[in-house]
N, C-alpha and C. Protein backbone atom coordinates (compact mmCIF):
# COMPACT_ATOMS: atom_id res chain seq x y z
N MET A 1 -9.57 3.15 -19.74
CA MET A 1 -10.09 2.57 -18.50
C MET A 1 -9.64 1.15 -17.55
N LYS A 2 -9.34 1.67 -16.16
CA LYS A 2 -8.69 1.37 -15.18
C LYS A 2 -9.09 -0.94 -15.39
N GLU A 3 -8.12 -1.28 -15.38
CA GLU A 3 -8.62 -2.71 -15.75
C GLU A 3 -9.01 -2.90 -14.18
N PRO A 4 -9.51 -4.00 -13.83
CA PRO A 4 -10.17 -4.21 -12.37
C PRO A 4 -8.88 -5.25 -12.10
N HIS A 5 -8.55 -4.94 -10.37
CA HIS A 5 -7.04 -6.14 -10.28
C HIS A 5 -7.61 -7.47 -9.99
N PRO A 6 -6.71 -8.03 -10.09
CA PRO A 6 -6.27 -9.66 -10.45
C PRO A 6 -7.20 -10.42 -9.19
N GLN A 7 -7.06 -11.50 -9.22
CA GLN A 7 -7.38 -12.35 -8.24
C GLN A 7 -6.53 -12.89 -7.24
N LEU A 8 -6.46 -12.97 -6.49
CA LEU A 8 -5.24 -12.77 -5.36
C LEU A 8 -5.26 -14.72 -4.66
N PRO A 9 -4.52 -15.71 -4.57
CA PRO A 9 -4.74 -16.33 -3.68
C PRO A 9 -5.03 -15.98 -2.44
N GLU A 10 -6.07 -17.65 -2.18
CA GLU A 10 -6.46 -16.92 -1.07
C GLU A 10 -6.65 -16.65 0.30
N LEU A 11 -4.54 -16.50 0.56
CA LEU A 11 -4.44 -16.11 1.49
C LEU A 11 -3.12 -14.56 1.44
N MET A 12 -4.11 -14.06 0.45
CA MET A 12 -3.42 -13.16 0.23
C MET A 12 -3.97 -12.04 0.13
N GLN A 13 -4.05 -10.71 0.40
CA GLN A 13 -4.98 -9.97 0.96
C GLN A 13 -4.98 -8.33 0.25
N ARG A 14 -5.82 -7.50 -0.42
CA ARG A 14 -5.13 -6.54 -1.11
C ARG A 14 -5.27 -5.53 0.12
N ILE A 15 -4.95 -4.51 0.44
CA ILE A 15 -5.40 -3.65 1.10
C ILE A 15 -5.22 -1.76 0.37
N ILE A 16 -5.59 -1.39 0.21
CA ILE A 16 -6.20 0.28 -0.78
C ILE A 16 -6.12 1.36 0.33
N PHE A 17 -4.81 1.76 0.86
CA PHE A 17 -4.84 3.35 1.25
C PHE A 17 -5.50 4.62 0.31
N ARG A 18 -6.04 5.90 0.58
CA ARG A 18 -6.10 6.96 -0.50
C ARG A 18 -5.58 8.03 0.37
N THR A 19 -5.17 8.83 -0.41
CA THR A 19 -3.77 9.78 -0.15
C THR A 19 -3.62 11.00 -0.81
N ASP A 20 -2.87 12.05 -0.34
CA ASP A 20 -2.61 13.18 -1.08
C ASP A 20 -1.42 12.52 -2.36
N PRO A 21 -1.55 13.62 -4.00
CA PRO A 21 -0.78 12.41 -4.80
C PRO A 21 0.66 12.96 -4.57
N PRO A 22 1.33 11.78 -4.10
CA PRO A 22 2.62 11.31 -3.06
C PRO A 22 3.51 11.57 -4.01
N SER A 23 4.84 12.18 -3.00
CA SER A 23 6.19 13.19 -4.30
C SER A 23 6.82 10.67 -4.50
N LEU A 24 7.89 11.16 -4.82
CA LEU A 24 8.69 10.23 -5.78
C LEU A 24 9.92 10.01 -4.04
N LEU A 25 10.45 11.40 -3.50
CA LEU A 25 10.94 10.71 -2.19
C LEU A 25 10.34 10.01 -1.19
N LYS A 26 8.46 10.38 -0.91
CA LYS A 26 7.78 9.71 -0.16
C LYS A 26 7.78 8.27 -0.54
N LEU A 27 7.25 7.85 -1.64
CA LEU A 27 7.39 6.46 -2.34
C LEU A 27 8.25 5.84 -2.32
N GLU A 28 10.20 6.42 -2.15
CA GLU A 28 10.77 5.83 -1.56
C GLU A 28 11.29 5.49 -0.54
N THR A 29 10.35 6.25 0.50
CA THR A 29 10.80 5.85 1.79
C THR A 29 9.68 4.90 2.44
N LEU A 30 8.54 5.02 1.21
CA LEU A 30 7.53 4.19 1.66
C LEU A 30 8.04 2.79 1.33
N SER A 31 8.92 2.45 0.19
CA SER A 31 9.27 1.13 -0.61
C SER A 31 10.27 0.37 0.74
N ILE A 32 11.25 1.73 1.29
CA ILE A 32 12.16 0.91 2.46
C ILE A 32 11.22 0.32 3.56
N GLU A 33 10.23 1.17 3.92
CA GLU A 33 9.33 1.21 5.80
C GLU A 33 9.07 -0.58 4.88
N LEU A 34 7.85 -0.34 3.41
CA LEU A 34 6.99 -1.68 3.37
C LEU A 34 7.80 -3.07 3.16
N LYS A 35 9.53 -2.77 2.83
CA LYS A 35 10.54 -3.59 2.25
C LYS A 35 10.69 -4.19 4.13
N ASN A 36 10.48 -3.58 5.79
CA ASN A 36 10.67 -3.84 6.41
C ASN A 36 10.01 -4.59 7.30
N VAL A 37 8.64 -4.38 6.85
CA VAL A 37 7.48 -5.32 7.01
C VAL A 37 7.41 -6.72 7.14
N GLY A 38 7.91 -7.28 5.37
CA GLY A 38 7.93 -7.90 4.47
C GLY A 38 7.77 -8.01 3.15
N ILE A 39 6.82 -6.68 2.51
CA ILE A 39 6.33 -6.36 1.18
C ILE A 39 6.91 -5.56 1.21
N SER A 40 7.30 -6.39 -0.67
CA SER A 40 8.12 -5.48 -1.67
C SER A 40 7.84 -5.32 -2.73
N ASN A 41 6.65 -5.07 -3.16
CA ASN A 41 5.63 -3.96 -4.61
C ASN A 41 5.13 -3.94 -3.71
N PHE A 42 3.75 -2.81 -4.16
CA PHE A 42 3.23 -1.78 -4.02
C PHE A 42 2.71 -0.74 -5.09
N ASP A 43 1.42 -1.07 -5.36
CA ASP A 43 0.88 -0.11 -6.76
C ASP A 43 0.76 1.53 -6.50
N VAL A 44 0.51 1.82 -7.22
CA VAL A 44 0.42 3.61 -7.16
C VAL A 44 -0.46 4.03 -8.17
N ASP A 45 -1.78 4.35 -8.13
CA ASP A 45 -2.94 4.84 -9.18
C ASP A 45 -2.48 6.22 -8.58
N PHE A 46 -1.74 6.81 -10.12
CA PHE A 46 -1.69 9.03 -9.24
C PHE A 46 -2.85 9.40 -9.56
N GLU A 47 -4.22 8.56 -10.71
CA GLU A 47 -5.06 9.57 -10.56
C GLU A 47 -6.19 9.75 -10.00
N THR A 48 -6.40 8.31 -9.06
CA THR A 48 -6.67 7.78 -7.71
C THR A 48 -6.71 8.71 -6.71
N CYS A 49 -4.94 9.13 -6.51
CA CYS A 49 -4.46 9.03 -4.93
C CYS A 49 -4.43 7.36 -4.59
N GLU A 50 -4.71 6.63 -5.05
CA GLU A 50 -4.01 5.36 -3.91
C GLU A 50 -3.52 4.94 -3.80
N ILE A 51 -3.02 3.79 -3.14
CA ILE A 51 -1.63 2.50 -2.71
C ILE A 51 -2.36 1.38 -2.47
N SER A 52 -2.05 0.91 -3.40
CA SER A 52 -2.77 -0.93 -3.94
C SER A 52 -1.19 -1.99 -2.80
N VAL A 53 -1.95 -2.03 -1.67
CA VAL A 53 -0.62 -2.59 -1.25
C VAL A 53 -1.52 -4.43 -1.06
N VAL A 54 -0.80 -5.78 -2.02
CA VAL A 54 -0.16 -7.03 -2.27
C VAL A 54 0.35 -7.54 -0.78
N CYS A 55 -0.47 -8.40 0.65
CA CYS A 55 0.02 -8.87 2.14
C CYS A 55 -0.83 -10.04 2.23
N PRO A 56 0.09 -10.61 2.20
CA PRO A 56 -0.26 -12.32 3.06
C PRO A 56 -1.11 -12.15 5.03
N HIS A 57 -2.77 -12.55 4.28
CA HIS A 57 -3.74 -12.64 5.78
C HIS A 57 -2.14 -12.35 6.66
N VAL A 58 -1.47 -13.18 6.76
CA VAL A 58 -0.65 -13.65 8.53
C VAL A 58 0.30 -12.08 8.80
N LYS A 59 0.19 -11.09 7.92
CA LYS A 59 0.80 -9.56 8.23
C LYS A 59 -0.30 -9.11 8.77
N SER A 60 0.11 -8.66 9.27
CA SER A 60 -0.85 -7.49 10.47
C SER A 60 -1.41 -6.18 9.64
N ILE A 61 -2.44 -5.53 9.71
CA ILE A 61 -3.09 -5.11 8.63
C ILE A 61 -1.63 -3.14 9.46
N GLN A 62 -1.85 -3.55 10.70
CA GLN A 62 -1.15 -2.73 11.55
C GLN A 62 0.31 -2.36 11.25
N GLN A 63 0.66 -2.86 10.74
CA GLN A 63 2.43 -3.18 10.64
C GLN A 63 2.70 -2.01 8.64
N VAL A 64 1.33 -2.05 8.42
CA VAL A 64 1.49 -1.90 6.83
C VAL A 64 1.15 -0.61 7.02
N GLU A 65 0.68 -0.23 8.01
CA GLU A 65 -1.00 1.18 8.03
C GLU A 65 0.28 2.04 9.03
N CYS A 66 1.15 0.94 9.85
CA CYS A 66 1.94 1.92 10.53
C CYS A 66 4.06 2.25 9.43
N ALA A 67 3.75 1.11 8.27
CA ALA A 67 4.77 1.65 7.58
C ALA A 67 4.45 3.08 6.69
N LEU A 68 3.47 3.66 5.99
CA LEU A 68 2.66 4.18 5.48
C LEU A 68 2.87 5.32 6.44
N ARG A 69 2.86 4.99 7.68
CA ARG A 69 2.54 6.61 8.60
C ARG A 69 4.19 6.42 8.99
N LYS A 70 4.55 6.08 9.02
CA LYS A 70 6.66 6.27 9.30
C LYS A 70 7.24 6.63 7.56
N ALA A 71 6.69 6.60 6.67
CA ALA A 71 6.91 7.21 5.17
C ALA A 71 6.29 8.46 5.05
N GLY A 72 5.46 8.83 5.75
CA GLY A 72 4.98 10.19 5.75
C GLY A 72 3.73 10.34 5.67
N PHE A 73 2.68 9.07 5.01
CA PHE A 73 1.21 9.19 4.32
C PHE A 73 0.62 9.25 5.56
N LYS A 74 -0.72 10.09 5.67
CA LYS A 74 -2.47 9.98 6.20
C LYS A 74 -2.61 9.88 5.65
N CYS A 75 -2.91 8.23 6.25
CA CYS A 75 -3.65 7.78 4.92
C CYS A 75 -5.16 7.30 5.58
N PRO A 76 -6.33 7.16 5.64
CA PRO A 76 -7.37 6.35 6.26
C PRO A 76 -7.62 4.58 5.55
N ARG A 77 -7.56 3.01 5.65
CA ARG A 77 -7.87 2.47 5.09
C ARG A 77 -9.04 2.24 4.37
N LEU A 78 -9.05 2.01 2.55
CA LEU A 78 -10.91 2.02 2.04
C LEU A 78 -11.12 0.68 2.16
N LYS A 79 -12.47 0.06 2.37
CA LYS A 79 -12.71 -0.78 2.65
C LYS A 79 -13.28 -1.26 1.91
């Protein structure tokens, strides 16, 4: 059973994207692109094909979406 995401500090935000099953090359590229916008960690759930990014509220969601697109992902943000 999947554990729920832990609570985040008030100034942090979790953004979840659903995508096609990601390749290791795409994930490596995503890591580089997210680091370019100041985000060093993300989680991938291969079972549900979701990418979870934790970022400060001050970071623009558009920057994260742009990093995902640059890494080759076409994925809508889940609400």
